[in-house]
Amino acid sequence: MDGDLQHFRQSDNYIVPPFPRNPVVAMAYIPYQNPKAVYTASCGLRKGTMFPCLNKPFLGSRRNRS
């Protein structure tokens, strides 16, 4: 499955702080992604995200029922 990932070289990875420098109180912020790897375009389309760390498939009501 590693063939579905595109890895960044250290020189390609632009570090962006996850939040603004001076965040405003009571404002919602979503952290920026600082990927070390992303899915290929076709794999990202199938999975619904380009970022492996955000690939959280919905399992519905799959749970152990004792």
N, C-alpha and C. Protein backbone atom coordinates (compact mmCIF):
# COMPACT_ATOMS: atom_id res chain seq x y z
N MET A 1 0.83 -1.20 0.00
CA MET A 1 0.00 0.00 0.00
C MET A 1 0.87 1.26 0.00
N ASP A 2 2.17 1.10 0.29
CA ASP A 2 3.07 2.24 0.30
C ASP A 2 3.20 2.86 -1.08
N GLY A 3 2.85 2.13 -2.15
CA GLY A 3 2.88 2.66 -3.49
C GLY A 3 1.84 3.75 -3.71
N ASP A 4 0.87 3.85 -2.80
CA ASP A 4 -0.15 4.89 -2.90
C ASP A 4 0.30 6.21 -2.30
N LEU A 5 1.49 6.24 -1.67
CA LEU A 5 1.95 7.46 -1.00
C LEU A 5 3.03 8.16 -1.83
N GLN A 6 3.00 9.48 -1.77
CA GLN A 6 4.07 10.30 -2.34
C GLN A 6 4.76 10.95 -1.16
N HIS A 7 6.06 10.68 -0.99
CA HIS A 7 6.81 11.21 0.14
C HIS A 7 7.47 12.52 -0.24
N PHE A 8 7.54 13.44 0.72
CA PHE A 8 8.22 14.70 0.53
C PHE A 8 9.65 14.59 1.03
N ARG A 9 10.57 15.24 0.33
CA ARG A 9 11.93 15.36 0.84
C ARG A 9 11.91 16.45 1.91
N GLN A 10 12.88 16.43 2.80
CA GLN A 10 12.96 17.45 3.84
C GLN A 10 12.97 18.85 3.23
N SER A 11 13.67 19.01 2.10
CA SER A 11 13.75 20.33 1.46
C SER A 11 12.42 20.76 0.85
N ASP A 12 11.52 19.79 0.58
CA ASP A 12 10.22 20.12 0.00
C ASP A 12 9.18 20.45 1.07
N ASN A 13 9.44 20.08 2.31
CA ASN A 13 8.45 20.22 3.36
C ASN A 13 8.51 21.63 3.96
N TYR A 14 7.57 22.45 3.59
CA TYR A 14 7.50 23.80 4.13
C TYR A 14 6.72 23.74 5.43
N ILE A 15 7.38 24.06 6.51
CA ILE A 15 6.73 23.99 7.82
C ILE A 15 5.86 25.23 8.02
N VAL A 16 4.60 25.00 8.26
CA VAL A 16 3.64 26.06 8.53
C VAL A 16 3.16 25.84 9.96
N PRO A 17 3.18 26.88 10.80
CA PRO A 17 2.67 26.67 12.16
C PRO A 17 1.22 26.23 12.12
N PRO A 18 0.82 25.34 13.05
CA PRO A 18 -0.54 24.81 12.99
C PRO A 18 -1.63 25.86 13.25
N PHE A 19 -1.30 26.91 13.98
CA PHE A 19 -2.28 27.95 14.30
C PHE A 19 -1.69 29.33 14.01
N PRO A 20 -2.53 30.35 13.87
CA PRO A 20 -2.03 31.70 13.65
C PRO A 20 -1.13 32.16 14.80
N ARG A 21 -0.26 33.10 14.50
CA ARG A 21 0.67 33.60 15.51
C ARG A 21 -0.07 34.24 16.70
N ASN A 22 -1.09 35.04 16.43
CA ASN A 22 -1.86 35.71 17.49
C ASN A 22 -3.34 35.34 17.35
N PRO A 23 -3.73 34.15 17.80
CA PRO A 23 -5.13 33.75 17.64
C PRO A 23 -6.08 34.62 18.46
N VAL A 24 -7.25 34.84 17.94
CA VAL A 24 -8.27 35.64 18.60
C VAL A 24 -9.13 34.72 19.47
N VAL A 25 -9.45 35.17 20.66
CA VAL A 25 -10.27 34.38 21.57
C VAL A 25 -11.65 34.15 20.97
N ALA A 26 -12.19 32.97 21.13
CA ALA A 26 -13.53 32.58 20.69
C ALA A 26 -13.66 32.45 19.17
N MET A 27 -12.55 32.30 18.48
CA MET A 27 -12.57 32.05 17.04
C MET A 27 -12.16 30.60 16.81
N ALA A 28 -12.83 29.92 15.92
CA ALA A 28 -12.49 28.53 15.61
C ALA A 28 -11.33 28.50 14.62
N TYR A 29 -10.39 27.62 14.86
CA TYR A 29 -9.25 27.45 13.97
C TYR A 29 -9.08 25.98 13.65
N ILE A 30 -8.71 25.69 12.44
CA ILE A 30 -8.41 24.33 12.02
C ILE A 30 -6.91 24.29 11.70
N PRO A 31 -6.17 23.42 12.37
CA PRO A 31 -4.72 23.38 12.13
C PRO A 31 -4.40 23.07 10.67
N TYR A 32 -3.32 23.69 10.16
CA TYR A 32 -2.83 23.39 8.82
C TYR A 32 -2.23 21.99 8.81
N GLN A 33 -2.27 21.34 7.67
CA GLN A 33 -1.62 20.05 7.52
C GLN A 33 -0.15 20.29 7.17
N ASN A 34 0.74 19.60 7.86
CA ASN A 34 2.16 19.60 7.53
C ASN A 34 2.53 18.17 7.13
N PRO A 35 2.17 17.79 5.91
CA PRO A 35 2.33 16.38 5.53
C PRO A 35 3.78 16.00 5.29
N LYS A 36 4.15 14.80 5.67
CA LYS A 36 5.41 14.21 5.28
C LYS A 36 5.16 13.33 4.06
N ALA A 37 3.89 12.92 3.88
CA ALA A 37 3.50 12.12 2.72
C ALA A 37 2.03 12.38 2.43
N VAL A 38 1.66 12.29 1.17
CA VAL A 38 0.26 12.41 0.76
C VAL A 38 -0.04 11.24 -0.17
N TYR A 39 -1.31 10.92 -0.30
CA TYR A 39 -1.72 9.89 -1.25
C TYR A 39 -1.56 10.41 -2.67
N THR A 40 -1.42 9.48 -3.61
CA THR A 40 -1.45 9.86 -5.02
C THR A 40 -2.86 10.37 -5.33
N ALA A 41 -3.02 11.05 -6.44
CA ALA A 41 -4.31 11.63 -6.78
C ALA A 41 -5.41 10.57 -6.87
N SER A 42 -5.13 9.46 -7.53
CA SER A 42 -6.17 8.43 -7.69
C SER A 42 -6.51 7.77 -6.35
N CYS A 43 -5.51 7.52 -5.53
CA CYS A 43 -5.76 6.91 -4.22
C CYS A 43 -6.51 7.90 -3.32
N GLY A 44 -6.13 9.17 -3.35
CA GLY A 44 -6.81 10.18 -2.55
C GLY A 44 -8.27 10.31 -2.92
N LEU A 45 -8.57 10.19 -4.20
CA LEU A 45 -9.95 10.25 -4.65
C LEU A 45 -10.75 9.05 -4.12
N ARG A 46 -10.15 7.87 -4.15
CA ARG A 46 -10.82 6.67 -3.63
C ARG A 46 -11.05 6.77 -2.12
N LYS A 47 -10.06 7.28 -1.39
CA LYS A 47 -10.14 7.31 0.06
C LYS A 47 -10.86 8.54 0.60
N GLY A 48 -11.00 9.58 -0.23
CA GLY A 48 -11.71 10.78 0.20
C GLY A 48 -10.83 11.80 0.91
N THR A 49 -9.52 11.58 0.92
CA THR A 49 -8.58 12.53 1.52
C THR A 49 -7.20 12.32 0.90
N MET A 50 -6.41 13.35 0.85
CA MET A 50 -5.03 13.25 0.36
C MET A 50 -4.06 12.94 1.49
N PHE A 51 -4.52 13.08 2.74
CA PHE A 51 -3.64 12.95 3.90
C PHE A 51 -3.87 11.64 4.63
N PRO A 52 -2.86 10.76 4.69
CA PRO A 52 -3.02 9.48 5.39
C PRO A 52 -3.45 9.65 6.85
N CYS A 53 -2.99 10.71 7.52
CA CYS A 53 -3.36 10.90 8.93
C CYS A 53 -4.84 11.23 9.10
N LEU A 54 -5.53 11.65 8.03
CA LEU A 54 -6.96 11.94 8.11
C LEU A 54 -7.82 10.80 7.57
N ASN A 55 -7.20 9.71 7.17
CA ASN A 55 -7.95 8.58 6.63
C ASN A 55 -8.55 7.79 7.78
N LYS A 56 -9.75 8.13 8.16
CA LYS A 56 -10.47 7.50 9.26
C LYS A 56 -11.78 6.94 8.71
N PRO A 57 -11.76 5.73 8.16
CA PRO A 57 -12.98 5.17 7.57
C PRO A 57 -14.10 5.05 8.61
N PHE A 58 -15.31 5.38 8.20
CA PHE A 58 -16.47 5.26 9.07
C PHE A 58 -16.89 3.80 9.12
N LEU A 59 -16.96 3.25 10.31
CA LEU A 59 -17.30 1.85 10.48
C LEU A 59 -18.74 1.65 10.91
N GLY A 60 -19.49 2.71 11.02
CA GLY A 60 -20.90 2.60 11.37
C GLY A 60 -21.11 1.97 12.73
N SER A 61 -21.96 0.99 12.79
CA SER A 61 -22.29 0.38 14.08
C SER A 61 -21.51 -0.90 14.32
N ARG A 62 -20.35 -1.04 13.70
CA ARG A 62 -19.52 -2.22 13.94
C ARG A 62 -18.91 -2.12 15.34
N ARG A 63 -19.43 -2.89 16.24
CA ARG A 63 -18.87 -2.94 17.58
C ARG A 63 -19.25 -4.28 18.19
N ASN A 64 -18.56 -4.63 19.22
CA ASN A 64 -18.84 -5.90 19.88
C ASN A 64 -20.11 -5.79 20.69
N ARG A 65 -21.04 -6.66 20.44
CA ARG A 65 -22.29 -6.69 21.19
C ARG A 65 -22.31 -7.96 22.00
N SER A 66 -22.08 -7.81 23.29
CA SER A 66 -22.02 -8.99 24.18
C SER A 66 -23.34 -9.31 24.78
